[in-house]
Amino acid sequence: MKKQLFTFFTVVFMLVSSSVFAQQTMQPNLTPNQVKAVENATFTDLQGNTFKLSDYHGKVVMIDFWETWCKPCINSMPTVNQLAKAYNKNFAVIAVTPGFSDTKEQVKDFVSKHDYKFHYAYGGNLAQKLQITGIPYKVFIDANGKFISVMMGSRGPSQDFKEIQEIIENHKEAR
């Protein structure tokens, strides 16, 4: 009986674990209102200045929701930084802290210790509109300022690199 219960709970655990992993790597669809919120997004940088997504017209933009405690978020940053450097004229990264638990001081401390080519911002309002409940959560916008897709989770550095590079290559031309 104990062995059967152990087997049962092991199977349940494996199913739950695999479904959680699948949820972390799926690409959710956004509602029309959420797409509009993304395409018209305004951000506040770490110095308190506001800027708009439309300021990046002509570039593919990745809005990367992250926090300092999120290991997959932090582990993907060097990969994303490589792409930001390689595609400097065609790609921009807005690294947004949704304000789940990080303080402004924690974010500023992290930024001061890392030399990434990102534009850092606070984005609790947009995160709420998108109903973000987990990170990493990346939103992609084409060179014309139109929503492309969402990527949740991380697939590891090399796969993330390939997928983001493909998005940049396929959407870098403004029309």
N, C-alpha and C. Protein backbone atom coordinates (compact mmCIF):
# COMPACT_ATOMS: atom_id res chain seq x y z
N MET A 1 0.81 -1.18 0.00
CA MET A 1 0.00 0.00 0.00
C MET A 1 0.87 1.26 0.00
N LYS A 2 1.91 1.27 0.86
CA LYS A 2 2.80 2.42 0.91
C LYS A 2 3.50 2.61 -0.43
N LYS A 3 3.90 1.51 -1.05
CA LYS A 3 4.58 1.59 -2.34
C LYS A 3 3.64 2.15 -3.40
N GLN A 4 2.37 1.75 -3.37
CA GLN A 4 1.39 2.26 -4.34
C GLN A 4 1.15 3.75 -4.13
N LEU A 5 1.05 4.18 -2.88
CA LEU A 5 0.88 5.61 -2.59
C LEU A 5 2.10 6.40 -3.05
N PHE A 6 3.28 5.85 -2.77
CA PHE A 6 4.50 6.53 -3.21
C PHE A 6 4.52 6.65 -4.72
N THR A 7 4.18 5.59 -5.44
CA THR A 7 4.14 5.61 -6.89
C THR A 7 3.11 6.62 -7.38
N PHE A 8 1.92 6.61 -6.77
CA PHE A 8 0.88 7.55 -7.15
C PHE A 8 1.35 9.00 -7.00
N PHE A 9 1.92 9.34 -5.84
CA PHE A 9 2.36 10.70 -5.60
C PHE A 9 3.55 11.08 -6.49
N THR A 10 4.39 10.12 -6.80
CA THR A 10 5.50 10.37 -7.72
C THR A 10 4.97 10.73 -9.10
N VAL A 11 3.99 9.99 -9.58
CA VAL A 11 3.40 10.26 -10.89
C VAL A 11 2.71 11.63 -10.89
N VAL A 12 1.95 11.91 -9.85
CA VAL A 12 1.28 13.22 -9.75
C VAL A 12 2.31 14.34 -9.75
N PHE A 13 3.37 14.19 -8.98
CA PHE A 13 4.42 15.20 -8.92
C PHE A 13 5.04 15.42 -10.30
N MET A 14 5.32 14.34 -11.02
CA MET A 14 5.92 14.45 -12.34
C MET A 14 4.96 15.16 -13.31
N LEU A 15 3.69 14.85 -13.24
CA LEU A 15 2.72 15.50 -14.13
C LEU A 15 2.60 16.99 -13.81
N VAL A 16 2.52 17.31 -12.54
CA VAL A 16 2.43 18.72 -12.15
C VAL A 16 3.70 19.46 -12.55
N SER A 17 4.85 18.86 -12.30
CA SER A 17 6.12 19.49 -12.65
C SER A 17 6.21 19.73 -14.14
N SER A 18 5.82 18.76 -14.94
CA SER A 18 5.93 18.93 -16.39
C SER A 18 4.95 19.97 -16.89
N SER A 19 3.76 20.07 -16.28
CA SER A 19 2.81 21.08 -16.73
C SER A 19 3.27 22.47 -16.32
N VAL A 20 3.93 22.60 -15.17
CA VAL A 20 4.47 23.89 -14.75
C VAL A 20 5.56 24.31 -15.72
N PHE A 21 6.45 23.38 -16.10
CA PHE A 21 7.50 23.70 -17.06
C PHE A 21 6.91 24.12 -18.38
N ALA A 22 5.89 23.41 -18.85
CA ALA A 22 5.25 23.76 -20.11
C ALA A 22 4.65 25.15 -20.04
N GLN A 23 4.05 25.51 -18.92
CA GLN A 23 3.48 26.84 -18.78
C GLN A 23 4.57 27.90 -18.80
N GLN A 24 5.71 27.60 -18.27
CA GLN A 24 6.78 28.58 -18.24
C GLN A 24 7.36 28.85 -19.62
N THR A 25 7.24 27.92 -20.54
CA THR A 25 7.86 28.11 -21.84
C THR A 25 6.85 28.33 -22.96
N MET A 26 5.58 28.38 -22.64
CA MET A 26 4.59 28.61 -23.69
C MET A 26 4.57 30.08 -24.10
N GLN A 27 3.99 30.35 -25.24
CA GLN A 27 3.85 31.71 -25.72
C GLN A 27 2.38 32.10 -25.65
N PRO A 28 1.99 32.82 -24.60
CA PRO A 28 0.59 33.17 -24.43
C PRO A 28 0.14 34.21 -25.45
N ASN A 29 -1.13 34.19 -25.78
CA ASN A 29 -1.70 35.20 -26.66
C ASN A 29 -2.14 36.38 -25.83
N LEU A 30 -2.04 37.56 -26.40
CA LEU A 30 -2.52 38.76 -25.74
C LEU A 30 -3.88 39.15 -26.31
N THR A 31 -4.70 39.75 -25.48
CA THR A 31 -5.98 40.25 -25.95
C THR A 31 -5.74 41.52 -26.77
N PRO A 32 -6.71 41.94 -27.56
CA PRO A 32 -6.54 43.20 -28.31
C PRO A 32 -6.24 44.40 -27.40
N ASN A 33 -6.85 44.45 -26.22
CA ASN A 33 -6.56 45.55 -25.28
C ASN A 33 -5.13 45.48 -24.76
N GLN A 34 -4.64 44.27 -24.53
CA GLN A 34 -3.26 44.12 -24.07
C GLN A 34 -2.27 44.51 -25.17
N VAL A 35 -2.57 44.12 -26.41
CA VAL A 35 -1.71 44.51 -27.53
C VAL A 35 -1.66 46.03 -27.63
N LYS A 36 -2.80 46.67 -27.51
CA LYS A 36 -2.86 48.14 -27.56
C LYS A 36 -2.04 48.75 -26.42
N ALA A 37 -2.13 48.17 -25.22
CA ALA A 37 -1.35 48.67 -24.08
C ALA A 37 0.14 48.57 -24.36
N VAL A 38 0.57 47.46 -24.97
CA VAL A 38 1.99 47.29 -25.30
C VAL A 38 2.41 48.31 -26.35
N GLU A 39 1.67 48.39 -27.43
CA GLU A 39 2.05 49.26 -28.54
C GLU A 39 2.05 50.75 -28.16
N ASN A 40 1.30 51.10 -27.13
CA ASN A 40 1.24 52.49 -26.67
C ASN A 40 1.94 52.70 -25.33
N ALA A 41 2.80 51.77 -24.97
CA ALA A 41 3.44 51.78 -23.64
C ALA A 41 4.32 53.01 -23.42
N THR A 42 4.25 53.49 -22.21
CA THR A 42 5.13 54.55 -21.71
C THR A 42 5.82 53.99 -20.47
N PHE A 43 7.11 54.31 -20.35
CA PHE A 43 7.91 53.78 -19.26
C PHE A 43 8.52 54.91 -18.46
N THR A 44 8.94 54.57 -17.24
CA THR A 44 9.69 55.50 -16.40
C THR A 44 11.05 54.87 -16.14
N ASP A 45 12.11 55.59 -16.52
CA ASP A 45 13.44 55.03 -16.33
C ASP A 45 13.88 55.17 -14.87
N LEU A 46 15.07 54.71 -14.57
CA LEU A 46 15.55 54.68 -13.19
C LEU A 46 15.81 56.08 -12.61
N GLN A 47 15.89 57.08 -13.50
CA GLN A 47 16.09 58.45 -13.05
C GLN A 47 14.77 59.22 -12.95
N GLY A 48 13.66 58.55 -13.27
CA GLY A 48 12.35 59.19 -13.18
C GLY A 48 11.87 59.83 -14.47
N ASN A 49 12.63 59.70 -15.55
CA ASN A 49 12.23 60.24 -16.84
C ASN A 49 11.28 59.28 -17.54
N THR A 50 10.35 59.82 -18.31
CA THR A 50 9.45 58.94 -19.06
C THR A 50 9.90 58.87 -20.51
N PHE A 51 9.64 57.72 -21.11
CA PHE A 51 9.90 57.52 -22.54
C PHE A 51 8.85 56.56 -23.07
N LYS A 52 8.68 56.57 -24.40
CA LYS A 52 7.64 55.79 -25.04
C LYS A 52 8.23 54.68 -25.89
N LEU A 53 7.48 53.64 -26.06
CA LEU A 53 7.89 52.58 -26.98
C LEU A 53 8.09 53.17 -28.38
N SER A 54 7.26 54.11 -28.76
CA SER A 54 7.35 54.71 -30.09
C SER A 54 8.68 55.43 -30.33
N ASP A 55 9.42 55.73 -29.26
CA ASP A 55 10.75 56.34 -29.41
C ASP A 55 11.72 55.39 -30.11
N TYR A 56 11.37 54.13 -30.21
CA TYR A 56 12.24 53.10 -30.80
C TYR A 56 11.82 52.71 -32.21
N HIS A 57 11.01 53.54 -32.86
CA HIS A 57 10.57 53.21 -34.22
C HIS A 57 11.79 52.91 -35.09
N GLY A 58 11.69 51.86 -35.88
CA GLY A 58 12.80 51.44 -36.73
C GLY A 58 13.63 50.33 -36.12
N LYS A 59 13.33 49.96 -34.87
CA LYS A 59 14.06 48.87 -34.20
C LYS A 59 13.07 47.84 -33.69
N VAL A 60 13.50 46.59 -33.71
CA VAL A 60 12.78 45.55 -32.99
C VAL A 60 13.04 45.80 -31.52
N VAL A 61 11.99 45.75 -30.72
CA VAL A 61 12.14 46.00 -29.30
C VAL A 61 11.71 44.76 -28.53
N MET A 62 12.51 44.41 -27.55
CA MET A 62 12.15 43.36 -26.61
C MET A 62 11.93 44.01 -25.25
N ILE A 63 10.71 43.93 -24.75
CA ILE A 63 10.42 44.39 -23.40
C ILE A 63 10.60 43.16 -22.51
N ASP A 64 11.61 43.21 -21.68
CA ASP A 64 12.01 42.06 -20.86
C ASP A 64 11.62 42.32 -19.41
N PHE A 65 10.55 41.67 -18.94
CA PHE A 65 10.14 41.79 -17.55
C PHE A 65 11.00 40.85 -16.71
N TRP A 66 11.64 41.38 -15.67
CA TRP A 66 12.60 40.64 -14.87
C TRP A 66 12.63 41.22 -13.45
N GLU A 67 13.27 40.52 -12.54
CA GLU A 67 13.58 41.04 -11.20
C GLU A 67 14.91 40.45 -10.77
N THR A 68 15.54 41.09 -9.81
CA THR A 68 16.90 40.72 -9.42
C THR A 68 17.00 39.34 -8.81
N TRP A 69 15.96 38.80 -8.25
CA TRP A 69 15.97 37.48 -7.61
C TRP A 69 15.68 36.35 -8.61
N CYS A 70 15.29 36.68 -9.82
CA CYS A 70 14.87 35.69 -10.82
C CYS A 70 16.09 35.14 -11.56
N LYS A 71 16.51 33.93 -11.18
CA LYS A 71 17.71 33.32 -11.78
C LYS A 71 17.59 33.14 -13.30
N PRO A 72 16.47 32.62 -13.84
CA PRO A 72 16.38 32.51 -15.30
C PRO A 72 16.46 33.88 -15.99
N CYS A 73 15.90 34.92 -15.35
CA CYS A 73 15.98 36.27 -15.91
C CYS A 73 17.44 36.72 -15.99
N ILE A 74 18.13 36.59 -14.88
CA ILE A 74 19.52 37.04 -14.79
C ILE A 74 20.42 36.21 -15.71
N ASN A 75 20.16 34.90 -15.78
CA ASN A 75 20.97 34.03 -16.64
C ASN A 75 20.79 34.33 -18.11
N SER A 76 19.66 34.88 -18.51
CA SER A 76 19.44 35.18 -19.93
C SER A 76 20.02 36.54 -20.34
N MET A 77 20.34 37.37 -19.38
CA MET A 77 20.81 38.72 -19.71
C MET A 77 22.10 38.78 -20.53
N PRO A 78 23.12 37.96 -20.24
CA PRO A 78 24.32 38.00 -21.10
C PRO A 78 24.00 37.64 -22.56
N THR A 79 23.11 36.68 -22.76
CA THR A 79 22.72 36.29 -24.12
C THR A 79 22.01 37.44 -24.82
N VAL A 80 21.07 38.04 -24.14
CA VAL A 80 20.33 39.16 -24.71
C VAL A 80 21.27 40.33 -24.97
N ASN A 81 22.23 40.54 -24.09
CA ASN A 81 23.20 41.61 -24.28
C ASN A 81 24.04 41.38 -25.53
N GLN A 82 24.43 40.13 -25.80
CA GLN A 82 25.17 39.82 -27.03
C GLN A 82 24.36 40.24 -28.25
N LEU A 83 23.07 39.95 -28.23
CA LEU A 83 22.20 40.33 -29.35
C LEU A 83 22.05 41.85 -29.44
N ALA A 84 21.93 42.51 -28.30
CA ALA A 84 21.80 43.97 -28.30
C ALA A 84 23.04 44.62 -28.90
N LYS A 85 24.20 44.07 -28.63
CA LYS A 85 25.44 44.60 -29.20
C LYS A 85 25.54 44.28 -30.69
N ALA A 86 25.23 43.05 -31.06
CA ALA A 86 25.36 42.61 -32.45
C ALA A 86 24.35 43.32 -33.37
N TYR A 87 23.18 43.62 -32.85
CA TYR A 87 22.12 44.24 -33.66
C TYR A 87 21.81 45.65 -33.16
N ASN A 88 22.83 46.36 -32.76
CA ASN A 88 22.67 47.68 -32.15
C ASN A 88 21.74 48.61 -32.96
N LYS A 89 21.85 48.59 -34.28
CA LYS A 89 21.05 49.50 -35.13
C LYS A 89 19.62 48.99 -35.33
N ASN A 90 19.38 47.72 -35.05
CA ASN A 90 18.08 47.12 -35.34
C ASN A 90 17.32 46.59 -34.14
N PHE A 91 17.91 46.66 -32.94
CA PHE A 91 17.32 45.98 -31.80
C PHE A 91 17.57 46.77 -30.53
N ALA A 92 16.54 46.88 -29.71
CA ALA A 92 16.66 47.55 -28.41
C ALA A 92 15.99 46.69 -27.35
N VAL A 93 16.54 46.74 -26.15
CA VAL A 93 15.99 46.00 -25.03
C VAL A 93 15.56 46.99 -23.96
N ILE A 94 14.30 46.88 -23.55
CA ILE A 94 13.80 47.64 -22.41
C ILE A 94 13.61 46.62 -21.29
N ALA A 95 14.50 46.68 -20.31
CA ALA A 95 14.45 45.75 -19.18
C ALA A 95 13.57 46.38 -18.11
N VAL A 96 12.41 45.77 -17.91
CA VAL A 96 11.38 46.35 -17.05
C VAL A 96 11.21 45.52 -15.78
N THR A 97 11.32 46.17 -14.65
CA THR A 97 11.01 45.49 -13.41
C THR A 97 9.53 45.74 -13.11
N PRO A 98 8.75 44.67 -13.00
CA PRO A 98 7.32 44.84 -12.78
C PRO A 98 6.96 45.23 -11.35
N GLY A 99 7.94 45.22 -10.47
CA GLY A 99 7.68 45.62 -9.09
C GLY A 99 7.02 44.56 -8.24
N PHE A 100 7.26 43.29 -8.58
CA PHE A 100 6.72 42.21 -7.75
C PHE A 100 7.26 42.32 -6.33
N SER A 101 8.59 42.42 -6.21
CA SER A 101 9.18 42.51 -4.88
C SER A 101 10.45 43.35 -4.83
N ASP A 102 11.07 43.61 -5.96
CA ASP A 102 12.28 44.42 -5.97
C ASP A 102 11.99 45.87 -5.59
N THR A 103 12.89 46.43 -4.81
CA THR A 103 12.81 47.85 -4.53
C THR A 103 13.60 48.61 -5.60
N LYS A 104 13.38 49.90 -5.68
CA LYS A 104 14.14 50.71 -6.64
C LYS A 104 15.63 50.64 -6.33
N GLU A 105 15.98 50.58 -5.07
CA GLU A 105 17.38 50.50 -4.67
C GLU A 105 18.02 49.20 -5.14
N GLN A 106 17.30 48.09 -5.02
CA GLN A 106 17.82 46.80 -5.48
C GLN A 106 18.06 46.81 -6.99
N VAL A 107 17.14 47.40 -7.72
CA VAL A 107 17.28 47.47 -9.19
C VAL A 107 18.48 48.36 -9.54
N LYS A 108 18.57 49.51 -8.92
CA LYS A 108 19.69 50.42 -9.20
C LYS A 108 21.03 49.79 -8.85
N ASP A 109 21.07 49.04 -7.74
CA ASP A 109 22.29 48.35 -7.35
C ASP A 109 22.68 47.30 -8.39
N PHE A 110 21.71 46.53 -8.87
CA PHE A 110 21.98 45.53 -9.90
C PHE A 110 22.53 46.20 -11.16
N VAL A 111 21.87 47.24 -11.60
CA VAL A 111 22.26 47.94 -12.83
C VAL A 111 23.69 48.49 -12.70
N SER A 112 24.03 49.01 -11.53
CA SER A 112 25.37 49.58 -11.33
C SER A 112 26.47 48.52 -11.42
N LYS A 113 26.12 47.26 -11.21
CA LYS A 113 27.10 46.18 -11.23
C LYS A 113 27.18 45.44 -12.56
N HIS A 114 26.32 45.80 -13.51
CA HIS A 114 26.27 45.09 -14.80
C HIS A 114 26.25 46.09 -15.95
N ASP A 115 27.09 45.83 -16.93
CA ASP A 115 27.21 46.74 -18.06
C ASP A 115 26.45 46.19 -19.28
N TYR A 116 25.13 46.10 -19.15
CA TYR A 116 24.31 45.61 -20.25
C TYR A 116 23.79 46.79 -21.06
N LYS A 117 23.60 46.57 -22.37
CA LYS A 117 23.08 47.61 -23.26
C LYS A 117 21.55 47.62 -23.24
N PHE A 118 21.00 47.75 -22.06
CA PHE A 118 19.55 47.76 -21.90
C PHE A 118 19.11 49.15 -21.43
N HIS A 119 17.87 49.44 -21.69
CA HIS A 119 17.24 50.64 -21.15
C HIS A 119 16.35 50.14 -20.01
N TYR A 120 16.71 50.48 -18.80
CA TYR A 120 16.01 49.97 -17.63
C TYR A 120 14.82 50.86 -17.29
N ALA A 121 13.74 50.22 -16.84
CA ALA A 121 12.53 50.98 -16.52
C ALA A 121 11.72 50.25 -15.45
N TYR A 122 10.80 51.01 -14.89
CA TYR A 122 9.81 50.45 -13.98
C TYR A 122 8.53 50.25 -14.79
N GLY A 123 7.85 49.13 -14.58
CA GLY A 123 6.70 48.85 -15.42
C GLY A 123 5.57 48.10 -14.76
N GLY A 124 5.30 48.41 -13.51
CA GLY A 124 4.21 47.74 -12.81
C GLY A 124 2.87 47.90 -13.50
N ASN A 125 2.61 49.09 -14.05
CA ASN A 125 1.34 49.35 -14.71
C ASN A 125 1.16 48.45 -15.93
N LEU A 126 2.17 48.38 -16.79
CA LEU A 126 2.08 47.53 -17.97
C LEU A 126 2.02 46.06 -17.56
N ALA A 127 2.79 45.68 -16.57
CA ALA A 127 2.77 44.29 -16.09
C ALA A 127 1.37 43.91 -15.61
N GLN A 128 0.69 44.84 -14.95
CA GLN A 128 -0.68 44.58 -14.50
C GLN A 128 -1.63 44.44 -15.68
N LYS A 129 -1.49 45.31 -16.67
CA LYS A 129 -2.35 45.24 -17.85
C LYS A 129 -2.16 43.92 -18.60
N LEU A 130 -0.92 43.43 -18.62
CA LEU A 130 -0.62 42.17 -19.29
C LEU A 130 -0.93 40.96 -18.41
N GLN A 131 -1.27 41.20 -17.16
CA GLN A 131 -1.58 40.16 -16.19
C GLN A 131 -0.43 39.18 -16.03
N ILE A 132 0.77 39.74 -15.93
CA ILE A 132 1.98 38.93 -15.79
C ILE A 132 2.01 38.34 -14.38
N THR A 133 2.13 37.03 -14.33
CA THR A 133 2.21 36.35 -13.04
C THR A 133 3.54 35.61 -12.88
N GLY A 134 4.34 35.58 -13.93
CA GLY A 134 5.62 34.89 -13.86
C GLY A 134 6.63 35.54 -14.78
N ILE A 135 7.89 35.44 -14.40
CA ILE A 135 8.97 35.97 -15.20
C ILE A 135 10.04 34.91 -15.35
N PRO A 136 10.89 34.96 -16.36
CA PRO A 136 11.00 35.97 -17.39
C PRO A 136 9.79 35.98 -18.33
N TYR A 137 9.46 37.19 -18.77
CA TYR A 137 8.33 37.41 -19.67
C TYR A 137 8.80 38.46 -20.66
N LYS A 138 8.94 38.06 -21.91
CA LYS A 138 9.48 38.95 -22.94
C LYS A 138 8.41 39.24 -23.98
N VAL A 139 8.24 40.52 -24.30
CA VAL A 139 7.28 40.96 -25.31
C VAL A 139 8.08 41.55 -26.46
N PHE A 140 7.76 41.14 -27.68
CA PHE A 140 8.50 41.59 -28.86
C PHE A 140 7.62 42.50 -29.72
N ILE A 141 8.23 43.60 -30.17
CA ILE A 141 7.59 44.60 -31.01
C ILE A 141 8.44 44.75 -32.27
N ASP A 142 7.78 44.84 -33.43
CA ASP A 142 8.55 44.96 -34.67
C ASP A 142 9.04 46.40 -34.89
N ALA A 143 9.79 46.60 -35.97
CA ALA A 143 10.39 47.91 -36.26
C ALA A 143 9.34 48.98 -36.54
N ASN A 144 8.10 48.57 -36.81
CA ASN A 144 7.01 49.51 -37.04
C ASN A 144 6.20 49.79 -35.78
N GLY A 145 6.61 49.21 -34.66
CA GLY A 145 5.92 49.44 -33.40
C GLY A 145 4.73 48.53 -33.18
N LYS A 146 4.65 47.44 -33.94
CA LYS A 146 3.53 46.50 -33.83
C LYS A 146 3.95 45.26 -33.05
N PHE A 147 3.02 44.79 -32.22
CA PHE A 147 3.24 43.58 -31.42
C PHE A 147 3.55 42.38 -32.30
N ILE A 148 4.55 41.60 -31.90
CA ILE A 148 4.91 40.36 -32.60
C ILE A 148 4.47 39.15 -31.78
N SER A 149 5.06 39.01 -30.58
CA SER A 149 4.80 37.81 -29.78
C SER A 149 5.28 38.01 -28.35
N VAL A 150 4.96 36.99 -27.54
CA VAL A 150 5.39 36.94 -26.15
C VAL A 150 6.16 35.64 -25.95
N MET A 151 7.20 35.71 -25.14
CA MET A 151 7.97 34.52 -24.79
C MET A 151 8.03 34.45 -23.26
N MET A 152 7.53 33.36 -22.71
CA MET A 152 7.62 33.17 -21.26
C MET A 152 8.69 32.15 -20.95
N GLY A 153 9.37 32.36 -19.85
CA GLY A 153 10.38 31.41 -19.42
C GLY A 153 11.66 31.54 -20.22
N SER A 154 12.50 30.56 -20.08
CA SER A 154 13.77 30.52 -20.79
C SER A 154 13.99 29.11 -21.29
N ARG A 155 14.59 29.01 -22.44
CA ARG A 155 14.89 27.71 -23.04
C ARG A 155 16.38 27.41 -22.95
N GLY A 156 17.11 28.23 -22.21
CA GLY A 156 18.56 28.10 -22.11
C GLY A 156 19.21 29.11 -23.04
N PRO A 157 20.46 29.48 -22.74
CA PRO A 157 21.12 30.54 -23.49
C PRO A 157 21.17 30.34 -25.01
N SER A 158 21.55 29.18 -25.47
CA SER A 158 21.70 29.01 -26.93
C SER A 158 20.35 29.02 -27.65
N GLN A 159 19.34 28.39 -27.06
CA GLN A 159 18.02 28.38 -27.70
C GLN A 159 17.37 29.77 -27.63
N ASP A 160 17.51 30.46 -26.50
CA ASP A 160 17.00 31.83 -26.39
C ASP A 160 17.66 32.71 -27.45
N PHE A 161 18.97 32.57 -27.60
CA PHE A 161 19.71 33.36 -28.60
C PHE A 161 19.12 33.12 -29.99
N LYS A 162 18.95 31.86 -30.36
CA LYS A 162 18.42 31.53 -31.69
C LYS A 162 17.02 32.10 -31.91
N GLU A 163 16.16 31.94 -30.91
CA GLU A 163 14.78 32.39 -31.07
C GLU A 163 14.68 33.91 -31.15
N ILE A 164 15.44 34.60 -30.31
CA ILE A 164 15.41 36.07 -30.34
C ILE A 164 16.06 36.59 -31.62
N GLN A 165 17.15 35.97 -32.02
CA GLN A 165 17.82 36.37 -33.27
C GLN A 165 16.87 36.20 -34.46
N GLU A 166 16.13 35.12 -34.49
CA GLU A 166 15.17 34.89 -35.58
C GLU A 166 14.10 35.98 -35.59
N ILE A 167 13.62 36.37 -34.43
CA ILE A 167 12.62 37.44 -34.35
C ILE A 167 13.21 38.74 -34.89
N ILE A 168 14.43 39.06 -34.49
CA ILE A 168 15.08 40.29 -34.96
C ILE A 168 15.22 40.25 -36.49
N GLU A 169 15.77 39.16 -36.99
CA GLU A 169 16.00 39.04 -38.44
C GLU A 169 14.69 39.15 -39.25
N ASN A 170 13.63 38.57 -38.72
CA ASN A 170 12.35 38.54 -39.45
C ASN A 170 11.55 39.84 -39.35
N HIS A 171 11.91 40.72 -38.41
CA HIS A 171 11.08 41.91 -38.16
C HIS A 171 11.85 43.22 -38.09
N LYS A 172 13.10 43.24 -38.52
CA LYS A 172 13.92 44.43 -38.34
C LYS A 172 13.70 45.51 -39.40
N GLU A 173 13.02 45.20 -40.47
CA GLU A 173 12.80 46.18 -41.53
C GLU A 173 11.51 46.95 -41.29
N ALA A 174 11.64 48.27 -41.10
CA ALA A 174 10.45 49.12 -40.95
C ALA A 174 9.83 49.32 -42.33
N ARG A 175 8.54 49.37 -42.36
CA ARG A 175 7.83 49.56 -43.63
C ARG A 175 7.18 50.91 -43.66
